[in-house]
Protein backbone atom coordinates (compact mmCIF):
# COMPACT_ATOMS: atom_id res chain seq x y z
CA UNK A 1 -5.92 -6.31 -22.76
CA UNK A 2 -9.65 -5.66 -22.25
CA UNK A 3 -10.72 -4.10 -18.95
CA UNK A 4 -12.59 -6.60 -16.79
CA UNK A 5 -15.76 -5.30 -15.09
CA UNK A 6 -14.30 -6.35 -11.73
CA UNK A 7 -11.01 -4.55 -12.27
CA UNK A 8 -10.49 -1.39 -10.22
CA UNK A 9 -6.84 -0.66 -11.02
CA UNK A 10 -4.60 -1.87 -13.80
CA UNK A 11 -1.38 -1.23 -15.66
CA UNK A 12 -0.97 -1.55 -19.39
CA UNK A 13 2.45 -2.12 -20.88
CA UNK A 14 4.28 -0.04 -18.24
CA UNK A 15 7.93 0.77 -18.79
CA UNK A 16 10.03 2.58 -16.16
CA UNK A 17 13.79 2.98 -16.48
CA UNK A 18 16.44 4.57 -14.27
CA UNK A 19 19.81 5.45 -15.81
CA UNK A 20 19.66 2.53 -18.19
CA UNK A 21 18.17 0.06 -15.68
CA UNK A 22 14.67 -1.11 -16.61
CA UNK A 23 12.67 -1.50 -13.40
CA UNK A 24 9.34 -2.18 -15.14
CA UNK A 25 9.46 -3.87 -18.53
CA UNK A 26 6.14 -3.66 -20.42
CA UNK A 27 4.27 -4.65 -17.26
CA UNK A 28 0.54 -5.35 -17.39
CA UNK A 29 -1.37 -6.31 -14.20
CA UNK A 30 -5.02 -6.11 -13.16
CA UNK A 31 -6.16 -5.62 -9.56
CA UNK A 32 -9.72 -6.74 -8.87
CA UNK A 33 -12.20 -4.83 -6.75
CA UNK A 34 -12.39 -5.98 -3.13
CA UNK A 35 -9.34 -8.27 -3.13
CA UNK A 36 -6.03 -8.40 -1.27
CA UNK A 37 -3.48 -8.83 -4.06
CA UNK A 38 0.17 -9.53 -3.24
CA UNK A 39 3.07 -8.48 -5.44
CA UNK A 40 6.16 -10.48 -4.56
CA UNK A 41 9.57 -11.15 -6.05
CA UNK A 42 13.30 -10.87 -5.37
CA UNK A 43 15.03 -7.57 -4.64
CA UNK A 44 15.17 -5.46 -7.78
CA UNK A 45 12.09 -7.06 -9.31
CA UNK A 46 10.29 -3.70 -9.57
CA UNK A 47 7.80 -4.01 -6.71
CA UNK A 48 8.29 -0.64 -5.04
CA UNK A 49 8.67 1.07 -8.41
CA UNK A 50 5.28 -0.34 -9.36
CA UNK A 51 3.69 1.14 -6.21
CA UNK A 52 5.35 4.48 -6.93
CA UNK A 53 3.88 4.55 -10.42
CA UNK A 54 0.44 3.38 -9.30
CA UNK A 55 0.29 6.12 -6.67
CA UNK A 56 1.59 8.96 -8.85
CA UNK A 57 4.94 9.31 -7.08
CA UNK A 58 6.76 8.28 -10.27
CA UNK A 59 6.02 8.64 -13.97
CA UNK A 60 6.53 5.73 -16.35
CA UNK A 61 8.52 6.14 -19.52
CA UNK A 62 5.60 4.63 -21.39
CA UNK A 63 2.41 2.66 -20.79
CA UNK A 64 -0.69 3.46 -18.79
CA UNK A 65 -2.27 3.24 -15.32
CA UNK A 66 -6.06 3.02 -15.23
CA UNK A 67 -8.29 3.55 -12.21
CA UNK A 68 -11.83 2.40 -12.86
CA UNK A 69 -11.09 2.70 -16.58
CA UNK A 70 -9.83 6.31 -16.25
CA UNK A 71 -6.24 6.99 -17.31
CA UNK A 72 -4.33 8.42 -14.32
CA UNK A 73 -0.83 7.82 -15.70
CA UNK A 74 0.23 11.46 -15.53
CA UNK A 75 -1.82 12.48 -12.49
CA UNK A 76 0.15 13.85 -9.52
CA UNK A 77 0.30 11.89 -6.27
CA UNK A 78 -1.97 14.23 -4.27
CA UNK A 79 -4.68 14.02 -6.94
CA UNK A 80 -4.31 10.24 -7.18
CA UNK A 81 -4.84 10.04 -3.40
CA UNK A 82 -7.96 12.20 -3.65
CA UNK A 83 -9.21 9.82 -6.34
CA UNK A 84 -8.90 6.95 -3.87
CA UNK A 85 -5.45 5.37 -4.35
CA UNK A 86 -3.42 5.78 -1.14
CA UNK A 87 -0.09 4.21 -0.27
CA UNK A 88 2.11 3.55 2.72
CA UNK A 89 5.89 3.43 2.51
CA UNK A 90 8.51 0.84 3.40
CA UNK A 91 10.30 3.44 5.56
CA UNK A 92 8.31 4.87 8.46
CA UNK A 93 6.90 8.27 7.47
CA UNK A 94 4.93 9.68 10.42
CA UNK A 95 5.47 13.13 11.96
CA UNK A 96 7.68 12.04 14.88
CA UNK A 97 7.01 14.93 17.27
CA UNK A 98 3.22 15.03 16.92
CA UNK A 99 0.77 12.82 18.77
CA UNK A 100 -0.79 9.81 17.09
CA UNK A 101 -4.09 11.70 16.98
CA UNK A 102 -2.55 14.79 15.38
CA UNK A 103 -0.78 12.64 12.76
CA UNK A 104 -4.13 11.28 11.62
CA UNK A 105 -5.76 14.73 11.81
CA UNK A 106 -3.15 16.06 9.38
CA UNK A 107 -4.17 13.31 6.96
CA UNK A 108 -7.82 14.32 7.31
CA UNK A 109 -6.96 18.00 7.04
CA UNK A 110 -5.15 17.32 3.75
CA UNK A 111 -8.50 16.47 2.16
CA UNK A 112 -9.83 19.97 2.86
CA UNK A 113 -8.95 23.56 1.93
CA UNK A 114 -6.76 23.63 5.06
CA UNK A 115 -4.28 21.25 3.46
CA UNK A 116 -1.61 23.92 2.80
CA UNK A 117 -1.04 24.34 6.54
CA UNK A 118 1.00 21.82 8.54
CA UNK A 119 -1.55 21.69 11.33
CA UNK A 120 -4.29 24.23 11.93
CA UNK A 121 -5.28 25.35 15.43
CA UNK A 122 -6.99 22.85 17.71
CA UNK A 123 -10.22 24.83 17.57
CA UNK A 124 -10.21 24.42 13.78
CA UNK A 125 -9.08 20.79 13.69
CA UNK A 126 -11.52 19.64 16.37
CA UNK A 127 -13.85 18.84 13.48
CA UNK A 128 -11.51 15.95 12.62
CA UNK A 129 -11.37 14.42 16.12
CA UNK A 130 -14.09 11.78 15.66
CA UNK A 131 -12.83 10.60 12.26
CA UNK A 132 -9.24 10.50 13.51
CA UNK A 133 -10.25 8.47 16.55
CA UNK A 134 -12.18 6.06 14.32
CA UNK A 135 -9.08 5.55 12.17
CA UNK A 136 -6.91 4.94 15.24
CA UNK A 137 -9.47 2.52 16.63
CA UNK A 138 -9.54 0.60 13.35
CA UNK A 139 -5.83 -0.22 13.77
CA UNK A 140 -5.92 -0.78 17.53
CA UNK A 141 -4.34 2.53 18.57
CA UNK A 142 -7.24 4.31 20.27
CA UNK A 143 -5.55 4.01 23.67
CA UNK A 144 -2.33 5.49 22.23
CA UNK A 145 -3.94 8.60 20.76
CA UNK A 146 -1.98 11.03 23.00
CA UNK A 147 1.41 9.36 22.61
CA UNK A 148 4.00 11.31 20.64
CA UNK A 149 4.74 9.27 17.53
CA UNK A 150 8.47 9.01 18.21
CA UNK A 151 7.66 7.36 21.56
CA UNK A 152 5.60 4.58 20.02
CA UNK A 153 7.18 1.13 19.54
CA UNK A 154 8.12 0.31 15.95
CA UNK A 155 5.11 -1.94 15.35
CA UNK A 156 2.72 0.74 16.55
CA UNK A 157 4.40 3.35 14.34
CA UNK A 158 3.60 1.13 11.35
CA UNK A 159 0.01 0.79 12.62
CA UNK A 160 -0.15 4.58 12.83
CA UNK A 161 0.88 4.74 9.17
CA UNK A 162 -2.07 2.48 8.38
CA UNK A 163 -4.39 4.77 10.33
CA UNK A 164 -3.08 7.78 8.41
CA UNK A 165 -3.74 5.99 5.13
CA UNK A 166 -7.18 4.70 6.17
CA UNK A 167 -8.23 8.22 7.18
CA UNK A 168 -8.11 9.05 3.46
CA UNK A 169 -10.93 6.54 2.90
CA UNK A 170 -9.05 4.84 0.07
CA UNK A 171 -10.71 2.74 -2.58
CA UNK A 172 -7.29 1.15 -3.20
CA UNK A 173 -4.69 0.85 -0.44
CA UNK A 174 -1.08 0.23 -1.49
CA UNK A 175 1.09 -1.26 1.26
CA UNK A 176 4.87 -1.51 0.85
CA UNK A 177 6.37 -4.11 3.21
CA UNK A 178 3.96 -3.42 6.09
CA UNK A 179 5.56 -6.11 8.31
CA UNK A 180 9.23 -5.39 7.52
CA UNK A 181 11.42 -5.38 10.63
CA UNK A 182 8.62 -6.49 12.96
CA UNK A 183 8.68 -9.06 15.72
CA UNK A 184 6.45 -12.11 15.23
CA UNK A 185 3.93 -10.59 17.66
CA UNK A 186 3.75 -7.35 15.68
CA UNK A 187 3.48 -9.30 12.41
CA UNK A 188 0.48 -11.19 13.77
CA UNK A 189 -1.08 -7.96 14.99
CA UNK A 190 -0.54 -6.25 11.63
CA UNK A 191 -2.00 -9.19 9.71
CA UNK A 192 -5.11 -9.04 11.88
CA UNK A 193 -5.36 -5.29 11.29
CA UNK A 194 -5.06 -5.58 7.51
CA UNK A 195 -7.64 -8.36 7.49
CA UNK A 196 -10.04 -6.06 9.37
CA UNK A 197 -9.39 -3.20 6.96
CA UNK A 198 -9.78 -5.29 3.79
CA UNK A 199 -13.58 -5.57 3.41
CA UNK A 200 -14.92 -2.95 1.03
CA UNK A 201 -11.59 -1.96 -0.51
CA UNK A 202 -8.79 -3.30 -2.69
CA UNK A 203 -5.39 -3.80 -1.07
CA UNK A 204 -2.18 -4.19 -3.08
CA UNK A 205 0.45 -5.67 -0.80
CA UNK A 206 4.20 -5.81 -1.46
CA UNK A 207 5.50 -8.31 1.08
CA UNK A 208 8.47 -10.66 1.58
CA UNK A 209 6.90 -12.68 4.39
CA UNK A 210 5.19 -15.54 2.56
CA UNK A 211 3.21 -16.51 5.64
CA UNK A 212 1.58 -13.07 5.54
CA UNK A 213 0.89 -13.45 1.83
CA UNK A 214 -0.62 -16.89 2.31
CA UNK A 215 -2.88 -15.71 5.12
CA UNK A 216 -4.13 -12.48 3.56
CA UNK A 217 -4.01 -12.62 -0.20
CA UNK A 218 -6.49 -14.07 -2.67
CA UNK A 219 -4.24 -13.23 -5.61
CA UNK A 220 -0.46 -13.25 -5.99
CA UNK A 221 1.65 -11.77 -8.78
CA UNK A 222 5.35 -12.66 -8.91
CA UNK A 223 7.64 -10.13 -10.57
CA UNK A 224 11.08 -10.82 -11.96
CA UNK A 225 13.13 -8.08 -13.61
CA UNK A 226 10.08 -5.90 -14.04
CA UNK A 227 7.89 -8.48 -15.75
CA UNK A 228 5.22 -10.93 -14.56
CA UNK A 229 6.75 -14.33 -13.91
CA UNK A 230 3.58 -15.91 -12.51
CA UNK A 231 0.10 -14.90 -11.42
CA UNK A 232 -2.60 -16.83 -9.57
CA UNK A 233 -3.64 -17.99 -6.14
CA UNK A 234 -0.98 -18.53 -3.48
CA UNK A 235 -1.04 -22.30 -4.00
CA UNK A 236 -0.81 -21.94 -7.78
CA UNK A 237 2.14 -19.59 -7.55
CA UNK A 238 3.83 -21.63 -4.80
CA UNK A 239 3.65 -24.71 -7.00
CA UNK A 240 5.02 -23.03 -10.13
CA UNK A 241 8.47 -24.46 -10.87
CA UNK A 242 9.63 -21.16 -12.40
CA UNK A 243 8.77 -19.34 -9.19
CA UNK A 244 10.49 -21.95 -7.04
CA UNK A 245 13.62 -21.69 -9.14
CA UNK A 246 13.63 -17.89 -9.27
CA UNK A 247 12.43 -16.92 -5.83
CA UNK A 248 10.63 -19.32 -3.52
CA UNK A 249 13.09 -22.16 -3.33
CA UNK A 250 14.31 -22.41 0.25
CA UNK A 251 11.95 -19.66 1.49
CA UNK A 252 10.03 -20.54 4.61
CA UNK A 253 6.40 -19.90 5.31
């Protein structure tokens, strides 16, 4: 498959198996620069495995991952992040006993030669204060900067994860179920936040809430058993009889 000039990230013929189960089966997808691209599908379709491979947290059995035409298939996760591909996780992954501000400062610190230390002294990390505050402000958490992460409501913990990821200044942001377990109010707030963060970067969004997908995403890829079942705009995918039969039938928006 030729690399399109607009493509920032792509997979070529990816295969990933676990103990005889094939999670990704010769999967090829292209993610265009500056788009919000949803990856949807039933449980076990390979969505999270795909994010793990794209971000360097898992190695495929075969196939390739290209970032801007450069093969990053066997690059470790920390190096992939430094190259501009950053991911959030489906399970909350903040430091629970640090403040919101210090959580983001650790993310910023990780990009420097201080990264081997959990958190340097405040006199050293003061250099990160402005950037950390900007990241918190971008997700609506500036007023919560001093709150210990464990004390934040669930929706704000997920927003803090976004701030941590955004602090890395990603070219590609991989989001795994960013609205999972949220109230409708928090879902709306998160959708607004992602929409604000989208300009100037590519976002790959794994999401079960089809209303979120419809609102945010210009491209949708449907996976089934590790392969592409359908790919197109939301309306094109929503009208595909194969998708309705396999996944969307009976799902609400």
